[in-house]
PDB file of N, CA and C in Angstrom:
ATOM      1  N   MET A   1      43.986  34.575  58.350  1.00  0.00           N
ATOM      2  CA  MET A   1      44.051  34.595  56.826  1.00  0.00           C
ATOM      3  C   MET A   1      45.505  35.051  56.478  1.00  0.00           C
ATOM      4  N   ALA A   2      46.411  35.961  56.906  1.00  0.00           N
ATOM      5  CA  ALA A   2      47.594  35.891  56.410  1.00  0.00           C
ATOM      6  C   ALA A   2      48.571  34.913  56.473  1.00  0.00           C
ATOM      7  N   GLU A   3      48.187  34.140  57.454  1.00  0.00           N
ATOM      8  CA  GLU A   3      48.968  32.914  57.941  1.00  0.00           C
ATOM      9  C   GLU A   3      48.663  31.835  57.107  1.00  0.00           C
ATOM     10  N   LYS A   4      47.520  31.570  56.616  1.00  0.00           N
ATOM     11  CA  LYS A   4      47.208  30.590  55.567  1.00  0.00           C
ATOM     12  C   LYS A   4      47.957  31.144  54.268  1.00  0.00           C
ATOM     13  N   LYS A   5      47.687  32.548  54.015  1.00  0.00           N
ATOM     14  CA  LYS A   5      48.299  32.622  52.621  1.00  0.00           C
ATOM     15  C   LYS A   5      49.778  32.682  52.322  1.00  0.00           C
ATOM     16  N   LYS A   6      50.741  32.731  53.528  1.00  0.00           N
ATOM     17  CA  LYS A   6      51.956  32.612  53.648  1.00  0.00           C
ATOM     18  C   LYS A   6      52.343  31.401  53.532  1.00  0.00           C
ATOM     19  N   SER A   7      51.370  30.339  54.425  1.00  0.00           N
ATOM     20  CA  SER A   7      51.542  28.583  54.054  1.00  0.00           C
ATOM     21  C   SER A   7      51.294  28.142  52.642  1.00  0.00           C
ATOM     22  N   LEU A   8      50.554  28.894  51.990  1.00  0.00           N
ATOM     23  CA  LEU A   8      50.195  28.434  50.605  1.00  0.00           C
ATOM     24  C   LEU A   8      51.233  28.783  49.373  1.00  0.00           C
ATOM     25  N   LEU A   9      51.862  29.919  49.801  1.00  0.00           N
ATOM     26  CA  LEU A   9      53.122  30.421  49.020  1.00  0.00           C
ATOM     27  C   LEU A   9      54.299  29.834  49.315  1.00  0.00           C
ATOM     28  N   GLN A  10      54.207  29.215  50.585  1.00  0.00           N
ATOM     29  CA  GLN A  10      55.862  28.440  50.775  1.00  0.00           C
ATOM     30  C   GLN A  10      55.266  27.064  50.262  1.00  0.00           C
ATOM     31  N   ALA A  11      53.829  26.359  50.403  1.00  0.00           N
ATOM     32  CA  ALA A  11      53.678  25.092  49.687  1.00  0.00           C
ATOM     33  C   ALA A  11      53.827  25.187  48.263  1.00  0.00           C
ATOM     34  N   ASN A  12      53.444  26.435  47.458  1.00  0.00           N
ATOM     35  CA  ASN A  12      53.713  26.254  46.144  1.00  0.00           C
ATOM     36  C   ASN A  12      55.110  26.849  45.527  1.00  0.00           C
ATOM     37  N   ALA A  13      56.153  27.409  46.302  1.00  0.00           N
ATOM     38  CA  ALA A  13      57.289  27.331  46.049  1.00  0.00           C
ATOM     39  C   ALA A  13      57.852  26.046  46.318  1.00  0.00           C
ATOM     40  N   GLU A  14      57.757  25.072  47.222  1.00  0.00           N
ATOM     41  CA  GLU A  14      58.255  23.871  47.610  1.00  0.00           C
ATOM     42  C   GLU A  14      58.075  23.170  46.165  1.00  0.00           C
ATOM     43  N   LYS A  15      56.853  23.323  45.443  1.00  0.00           N
ATOM     44  CA  LYS A  15      56.049  22.344  44.405  1.00  0.00           C
ATOM     45  C   LYS A  15      57.088  22.700  43.223  1.00  0.00           C
ATOM     46  N   GLN A  16      57.298  24.243  43.082  1.00  0.00           N
ATOM     47  CA  GLN A  16      58.149  24.524  42.344  1.00  0.00           C
ATOM     48  C   GLN A  16      59.354  24.111  42.172  1.00  0.00           C
ATOM     49  N   LYS A  17      60.215  24.050  43.351  1.00  0.00           N
ATOM     50  CA  LYS A  17      61.430  23.770  43.560  1.00  0.00           C
ATOM     51  C   LYS A  17      61.691  22.071  43.287  1.00  0.00           C
ATOM     52  N   ARG A  18      60.652  21.411  43.712  1.00  0.00           N
ATOM     53  CA  ARG A  18      60.796  19.720  43.469  1.00  0.00           C
ATOM     54  C   ARG A  18      60.643  19.740  42.008  1.00  0.00           C
ATOM     55  N   TYR A  19      59.780  20.297  41.318  1.00  0.00           N
ATOM     56  CA  TYR A  19      59.660  20.448  39.830  1.00  0.00           C
ATOM     57  C   TYR A  19      60.813  20.594  38.993  1.00  0.00           C
ATOM     58  N   ARG A  20      61.458  21.713  39.631  1.00  0.00           N
ATOM     59  CA  ARG A  20      62.641  22.249  38.672  1.00  0.00           C
ATOM     60  C   ARG A  20      63.995  21.100  39.045  1.00  0.00           C
ATOM     61  N   GLU A  21      63.993  20.573  40.251  1.00  0.00           N
ATOM     62  CA  GLU A  21      64.665  19.568  40.568  1.00  0.00           C
ATOM     63  C   GLU A  21      64.550  18.115  39.865  1.00  0.00           C
ATOM     64  N   LYS A  22      63.371  18.054  39.731  1.00  0.00           N
ATOM     65  CA  LYS A  22      63.028  16.862  39.060  1.00  0.00           C
ATOM     66  C   LYS A  22      63.261  16.964  37.573  1.00  0.00           C
ATOM     67  N   GLN A  23      63.051  17.810  36.521  1.00  0.00           N
ATOM     68  CA  GLN A  23      63.536  18.220  35.581  1.00  0.00           C
ATOM     69  C   GLN A  23      64.549  18.024  35.398  1.00  0.00           C
ATOM     70  N   LYS A  24      65.812  18.904  36.326  1.00  0.00           N
ATOM     71  CA  LYS A  24      67.148  18.722  36.062  1.00  0.00           C
ATOM     72  C   LYS A  24      67.626  17.127  36.287  1.00  0.00           C
ATOM     73  N   ALA A  25      67.148  16.742  37.063  1.00  0.00           N
ATOM     74  CA  ALA A  25      67.572  15.181  37.240  1.00  0.00           C
ATOM     75  C   ALA A  25      67.266  14.094  36.342  1.00  0.00           C
ATOM     76  N   ALA A  26      66.137  14.681  35.371  1.00  0.00           N
ATOM     77  CA  ALA A  26      65.607  14.139  34.033  1.00  0.00           C
ATOM     78  C   ALA A  26      67.032  14.609  33.096  1.00  0.00           C
ATOM     79  N   GLY A  27      67.758  15.211  33.172  1.00  0.00           N
ATOM     80  CA  GLY A  27      68.794  15.639  32.000  1.00  0.00           C
ATOM     81  C   GLY A  27      67.698  16.987  31.116  1.00  0.00           C
ATOM     82  N   LYS A  28      66.979  17.451  31.627  1.00  0.00           N
ATOM     83  CA  LYS A  28      66.407  18.731  30.938  1.00  0.00           C
ATOM     84  C   LYS A  28      67.204  19.969  31.611  1.00  0.00           C
ATOM     85  N   LYS A  29      67.034  20.946  30.457  1.00  0.00           N
ATOM     86  CA  LYS A  29      67.375  21.957  30.839  1.00  0.00           C
ATOM     87  C   LYS A  29      66.413  23.268  30.388  1.00  0.00           C
ATOM     88  N   LEU A  30      66.334  24.299  31.211  1.00  0.00           N
ATOM     89  CA  LEU A  30      65.355  25.254  31.169  1.00  0.00           C
ATOM     90  C   LEU A  30      66.160  26.529  29.901  1.00  0.00           C
ATOM     91  N   VAL A  31      65.072  26.343  29.103  1.00  0.00           N
ATOM     92  CA  VAL A  31      65.396  27.272  28.016  1.00  0.00           C
ATOM     93  C   VAL A  31      63.815  27.758  27.364  1.00  0.00           C
ATOM     94  N   ARG A  32      63.565  28.770  28.339  1.00  0.00           N
ATOM     95  CA  ARG A  32      61.817  29.168  28.053  1.00  0.00           C
ATOM     96  C   ARG A  32      60.854  27.601  28.222  1.00  0.00           C
ATOM     97  N   GLY A  33      61.279  27.185  29.163  1.00  0.00           N
ATOM     98  CA  GLY A  33      60.675  25.609  29.588  1.00  0.00           C
ATOM     99  C   GLY A  33      61.726  24.685  29.572  1.00  0.00           C
ATOM    100  N   TYR A  34      61.348  23.722  30.137  1.00  0.00           N
ATOM    101  CA  TYR A  34      62.098  22.239  30.003  1.00  0.00           C
ATOM    102  C   TYR A  34      62.054  21.772  28.619  1.00  0.00           C
ATOM    103  N   VAL A  35      63.613  21.418  28.156  1.00  0.00           N
ATOM    104  CA  VAL A  35      63.501  20.770  26.844  1.00  0.00           C
ATOM    105  C   VAL A  35      64.458  19.757  27.413  1.00  0.00           C
ATOM    106  N   SER A  36      64.750  18.547  26.765  1.00  0.00           N
ATOM    107  CA  SER A  36      65.184  17.145  26.402  1.00  0.00           C
ATOM    108  C   SER A  36      66.530  17.435  25.983  1.00  0.00           C
ATOM    109  N   PRO A  37      67.551  16.354  26.275  1.00  0.00           N
ATOM    110  CA  PRO A  37      68.625  17.053  25.673  1.00  0.00           C
ATOM    111  C   PRO A  37      68.711  16.987  24.212  1.00  0.00           C
ATOM    112  N   GLN A  38      67.802  15.809  23.715  1.00  0.00           N
ATOM    113  CA  GLN A  38      67.996  15.935  22.026  1.00  0.00           C
ATOM    114  C   GLN A  38      67.203  17.353  21.558  1.00  0.00           C
ATOM    115  N   ALA A  39      66.254  17.605  21.943  1.00  0.00           N
ATOM    116  CA  ALA A  39      65.452  19.054  21.826  1.00  0.00           C
ATOM    117  C   ALA A  39      66.854  20.341  21.978  1.00  0.00           C
ATOM    118  N   MET A  40      67.626  19.872  22.993  1.00  0.00           N
ATOM    119  CA  MET A  40      68.650  21.073  23.321  1.00  0.00           C
ATOM    120  C   MET A  40      69.394  21.127  22.069  1.00  0.00           C
ATOM    121  N   GLN A  41      69.686  19.820  21.697  1.00  0.00           N
ATOM    122  CA  GLN A  41      70.689  19.666  20.287  1.00  0.00           C
ATOM    123  C   GLN A  41      70.207  20.327  19.394  1.00  0.00           C
ATOM    124  N   CYS A  42      68.655  19.956  19.097  1.00  0.00           N
ATOM    125  CA  CYS A  42      68.281  20.598  17.754  1.00  0.00           C
ATOM    126  C   CYS A  42      67.947  22.012  17.830  1.00  0.00           C
ATOM    127  N   TYR A  43      67.852  22.793  18.895  1.00  0.00           N
ATOM    128  CA  TYR A  43      67.609  23.933  19.283  1.00  0.00           C
ATOM    129  C   TYR A  43      69.187  24.666  19.059  1.00  0.00           C
ATOM    130  N   GLU A  44      70.215  24.046  19.744  1.00  0.00           N
ATOM    131  CA  GLU A  44      71.437  24.540  19.425  1.00  0.00           C
ATOM    132  C   GLU A  44      72.031  24.279  17.482  1.00  0.00           C
ATOM    133  N   GLU A  45      71.461  23.533  17.037  1.00  0.00           N
ATOM    134  CA  GLU A  45      71.772  23.353  15.544  1.00  0.00           C
ATOM    135  C   GLU A  45      71.128  24.750  14.829  1.00  0.00           C
ATOM    136  N   ILE A  46      70.336  24.847  15.314  1.00  0.00           N
ATOM    137  CA  ILE A  46      69.222  25.859  14.722  1.00  0.00           C
ATOM    138  C   ILE A  46      70.068  27.198  14.839  1.00  0.00           C
ATOM    139  N   ARG A  47      70.323  27.326  16.107  1.00  0.00           N
ATOM    140  CA  ARG A  47      70.891  28.774  16.365  1.00  0.00           C
ATOM    141  C   ARG A  47      72.319  28.755  15.413  1.00  0.00           C
ATOM    142  N   GLN A  48      72.975  27.794  15.150  1.00  0.00           N
ATOM    143  CA  GLN A  48      74.314  27.957  14.583  1.00  0.00           C
ATOM    144  C   GLN A  48      74.130  27.952  13.420  1.00  0.00           C
ATOM    145  N   LYS A  49      72.916  27.327  12.817  1.00  0.00           N
ATOM    146  CA  LYS A  49      73.080  27.108  11.440  1.00  0.00           C
ATOM    147  C   LYS A  49      72.194  28.673  10.713  1.00  0.00           C
ATOM    148  N   THR A  50      71.639  29.082  11.694  1.00  0.00           N
ATOM    149  CA  THR A  50      70.660  30.505  11.431  1.00  0.00           C
ATOM    150  C   THR A  50      71.184  32.037  11.804  1.00  0.00           C
ATOM    151  N   GLY A  51      72.199  31.826  13.015  1.00  0.00           N
ATOM    152  CA  GLY A  51      72.748  32.850  13.696  1.00  0.00           C
ATOM    153  C   GLY A  51      71.601  33.488  14.456  1.00  0.00           C
ATOM    154  N   TRP A  52      70.521  33.154  14.340  1.00  0.00           N
ATOM    155  CA  TRP A  52      69.096  33.540  15.499  1.00  0.00           C
ATOM    156  C   TRP A  52      69.562  33.706  16.683  1.00  0.00           C
ATOM    157  N   SER A  53      69.214  34.920  17.392  1.00  0.00           N
ATOM    158  CA  SER A  53      69.209  35.004  18.950  1.00  0.00           C
ATOM    159  C   SER A  53      68.157  33.832  19.453  1.00  0.00           C
ATOM    160  N   ASP A  54      68.190  33.770  20.341  1.00  0.00           N
ATOM    161  CA  ASP A  54      67.104  33.015  21.539  1.00  0.00           C
ATOM    162  C   ASP A  54      65.664  33.601  21.376  1.00  0.00           C
ATOM    163  N   ASN A  55      65.642  35.072  21.149  1.00  0.00           N
ATOM    164  CA  ASN A  55      64.072  35.359  20.851  1.00  0.00           C
ATOM    165  C   ASN A  55      63.630  35.043  19.291  1.00  0.00           C
ATOM    166  N   GLU A  56      64.519  35.383  18.408  1.00  0.00           N
ATOM    167  CA  GLU A  56      64.262  35.094  17.063  1.00  0.00           C
ATOM    168  C   GLU A  56      64.307  33.513  16.812  1.00  0.00           C
ATOM    169  N   THR A  57      64.838  32.714  17.667  1.00  0.00           N
ATOM    170  CA  THR A  57      64.345  31.610  17.127  1.00  0.00           C
ATOM    171  C   THR A  57      63.192  31.060  17.721  1.00  0.00           C
ATOM    172  N   LEU A  58      62.817  31.308  18.666  1.00  0.00           N
ATOM    173  CA  LEU A  58      61.529  30.872  19.341  1.00  0.00           C
ATOM    174  C   LEU A  58      60.528  31.625  18.393  1.00  0.00           C
ATOM    175  N   SER A  59      60.518  32.993  18.058  1.00  0.00           N
ATOM    176  CA  SER A  59      59.606  33.621  17.032  1.00  0.00           C
ATOM    177  C   SER A  59      59.411  32.800  15.901  1.00  0.00           C
ATOM    178  N   ASN A  60      60.514  32.689  15.046  1.00  0.00           N
ATOM    179  CA  ASN A  60      60.617  31.945  13.777  1.00  0.00           C
ATOM    180  C   ASN A  60      60.031  30.645  13.961  1.00  0.00           C
ATOM    181  N   SER A  61      60.424  29.772  15.092  1.00  0.00           N
ATOM    182  CA  SER A  61      59.865  28.371  14.946  1.00  0.00           C
ATOM    183  C   SER A  61      58.481  28.526  14.922  1.00  0.00           C
ATOM    184  N   LEU A  62      57.938  29.580  15.847  1.00  0.00           N
ATOM    185  CA  LEU A  62      56.366  29.422  15.917  1.00  0.00           C
ATOM    186  C   LEU A  62      55.869  29.961  15.011  1.00  0.00           C
ATOM    187  N   ARG A  63      56.707  30.906  14.047  1.00  0.00           N
ATOM    188  CA  ARG A  63      55.753  31.276  12.712  1.00  0.00           C
ATOM    189  C   ARG A  63      55.856  30.014  11.819  1.00  0.00           C
ATOM    190  N   ILE A  64      56.999  29.324  11.469  1.00  0.00           N
ATOM    191  CA  ILE A  64      56.961  27.848  10.766  1.00  0.00           C
ATOM    192  C   ILE A  64      55.638  27.114  10.958  1.00  0.00           C
ATOM    193  N   LEU A  65      55.746  26.901  12.731  1.00  0.00           N
ATOM    194  CA  LEU A  65      54.522  26.049  12.854  1.00  0.00           C
ATOM    195  C   LEU A  65      53.338  26.702  12.869  1.00  0.00           C
ATOM    196  N   LEU A  66      52.938  27.605  12.972  1.00  0.00           N
ATOM    197  CA  LEU A  66      51.606  28.069  12.660  1.00  0.00           C
ATOM    198  C   LEU A  66      51.363  28.341  11.051  1.00  0.00           C
ATOM    199  N   ALA A  67      52.471  28.570  10.290  1.00  0.00           N
ATOM    200  CA  ALA A  67      52.307  28.410   8.708  1.00  0.00           C
ATOM    201  C   ALA A  67      51.871  26.887   8.601  1.00  0.00           C
ATOM    202  N   ALA A  68      52.573  26.112   8.703  1.00  0.00           N
ATOM    203  CA  ALA A  68      52.580  24.741   8.568  1.00  0.00           C
ATOM    204  C   ALA A  68      50.930  24.138   8.932  1.00  0.00           C
ATOM    205  N   TYR A  69      50.779  24.791  10.208  1.00  0.00           N
ATOM    206  CA  TYR A  69      49.089  24.375  10.616  1.00  0.00           C
ATOM    207  C   TYR A  69      48.402  24.982   9.668  1.00  0.00           C
ATOM    208  N   LYS A  70      48.202  26.337   9.343  1.00  0.00           N
ATOM    209  CA  LYS A  70      47.388  26.995   8.274  1.00  0.00           C
ATOM    210  C   LYS A  70      47.546  26.652   7.241  1.00  0.00           C
ATOM    211  N   CYS A  71      48.484  26.023   6.626  1.00  0.00           N
ATOM    212  CA  CYS A  71      48.498  25.422   5.036  1.00  0.00           C
ATOM    213  C   CYS A  71      48.180  23.841   5.158  1.00  0.00           C
ATOM    214  N   GLY A  72      47.872  23.591   6.484  1.00  0.00           N
ATOM    215  CA  GLY A  72      47.271  21.719   6.634  1.00  0.00           C
ATOM    216  C   GLY A  72      48.772  20.746   6.355  1.00  0.00           C
ATOM    217  N   GLN A  73      49.943  21.665   6.636  1.00  0.00           N
ATOM    218  CA  GLN A  73      51.145  20.659   6.483  1.00  0.00           C
ATOM    219  C   GLN A  73      51.465  20.092   7.787  1.00  0.00           C
ATOM    220  N   ILE A  74      51.062  20.284   8.696  1.00  0.00           N
ATOM    221  CA  ILE A  74      51.536  19.623  10.141  1.00  0.00           C
ATOM    222  C   ILE A  74      52.201  18.410  10.043  1.00  0.00           C
ATOM    223  N   LYS A  75      51.412  17.302   9.392  1.00  0.00           N
ATOM    224  CA  LYS A  75      51.558  16.156   8.759  1.00  0.00           C
ATOM    225  C   LYS A  75      53.117  15.986   8.161  1.00  0.00           C
ATOM    226  N   LEU A  76      53.238  16.675   7.275  1.00  0.00           N
ATOM    227  CA  LEU A  76      54.489  16.647   6.284  1.00  0.00           C
ATOM    228  C   LEU A  76      55.456  17.287   7.294  1.00  0.00           C
ATOM    229  N   LEU A  77      55.466  18.456   7.845  1.00  0.00           N
ATOM    230  CA  LEU A  77      56.367  18.586   9.080  1.00  0.00           C
ATOM    231  C   LEU A  77      56.674  17.653   9.671  1.00  0.00           C
ATOM    232  N   ASN A  78      55.788  17.029  10.762  1.00  0.00           N
ATOM    233  CA  ASN A  78      55.791  15.819  11.545  1.00  0.00           C
ATOM    234  C   ASN A  78      56.727  14.726  11.007  1.00  0.00           C
ATOM    235  N   GLU A  79      56.734  14.291   9.637  1.00  0.00           N
ATOM    236  CA  GLU A  79      57.073  13.201   8.912  1.00  0.00           C
ATOM    237  C   GLU A  79      58.654  13.454   8.779  1.00  0.00           C
ATOM    238  N   TRP A  80      58.759  14.956   8.163  1.00  0.00           N
ATOM    239  CA  TRP A  80      60.277  15.262   8.214  1.00  0.00           C
ATOM    240  C   TRP A  80      61.008  15.149   9.291  1.00  0.00           C
ATOM    241  N   LEU A  81      60.254  15.768  10.294  1.00  0.00           N
ATOM    242  CA  LEU A  81      61.144  15.488  11.503  1.00  0.00           C
ATOM    243  C   LEU A  81      61.361  14.146  11.864  1.00  0.00           C
ATOM    244  N   LYS A  82      60.022  13.361  11.616  1.00  0.00           N
ATOM    245  CA  LYS A  82      60.448  11.788  11.897  1.00  0.00           C
ATOM    246  C   LYS A  82      61.568  11.097  10.998  1.00  0.00           C
ATOM    247  N   ASN A  83      61.757  11.497   9.982  1.00  0.00           N
ATOM    248  CA  ASN A  83      62.761  10.928   9.264  1.00  0.00           C
ATOM    249  C   ASN A  83      64.224  11.373   9.216  1.00  0.00           C
ATOM    250  N   HIS A  84      64.143  12.508  10.031  1.00  0.00           N
ATOM    251  CA  HIS A  84      65.579  12.922  10.143  1.00  0.00           C
ATOM    252  C   HIS A  84      65.736  12.963  11.629  1.00  0.00           C
ATOM    253  N   ASP A  85      64.983  11.781  12.437  1.00  0.00           N
ATOM    254  CA  ASP A  85      65.669  11.734  13.552  1.00  0.00           C
ATOM    255  C   ASP A  85      65.652  13.093  14.515  1.00  0.00           C
ATOM    256  N   ARG A  86      64.283  13.853  14.398  1.00  0.00           N
ATOM    257  CA  ARG A  86      64.362  14.909  15.394  1.00  0.00           C
ATOM    258  C   ARG A  86      63.281  14.901  16.056  1.00  0.00           C
TER     259      ARG A  86
END
């Protein structure tokens, strides 16, 4: 039983390693998940303009998204992002 569990853990580790390598090869960077280079530019722009830390950026972004959702403004938010090439 222990042998089976050990081989399963190794298989999972190999899958994770291949996934990380695939994301890096696609030009994505790990920032609490893999993001595209364009998303990374937006992230850096937000941090520069606001002076927020990584945690504050994530927290406030989620608050903005949730507020837009609760107010029925997701379509408006998406349109703004499209109009500004984001």
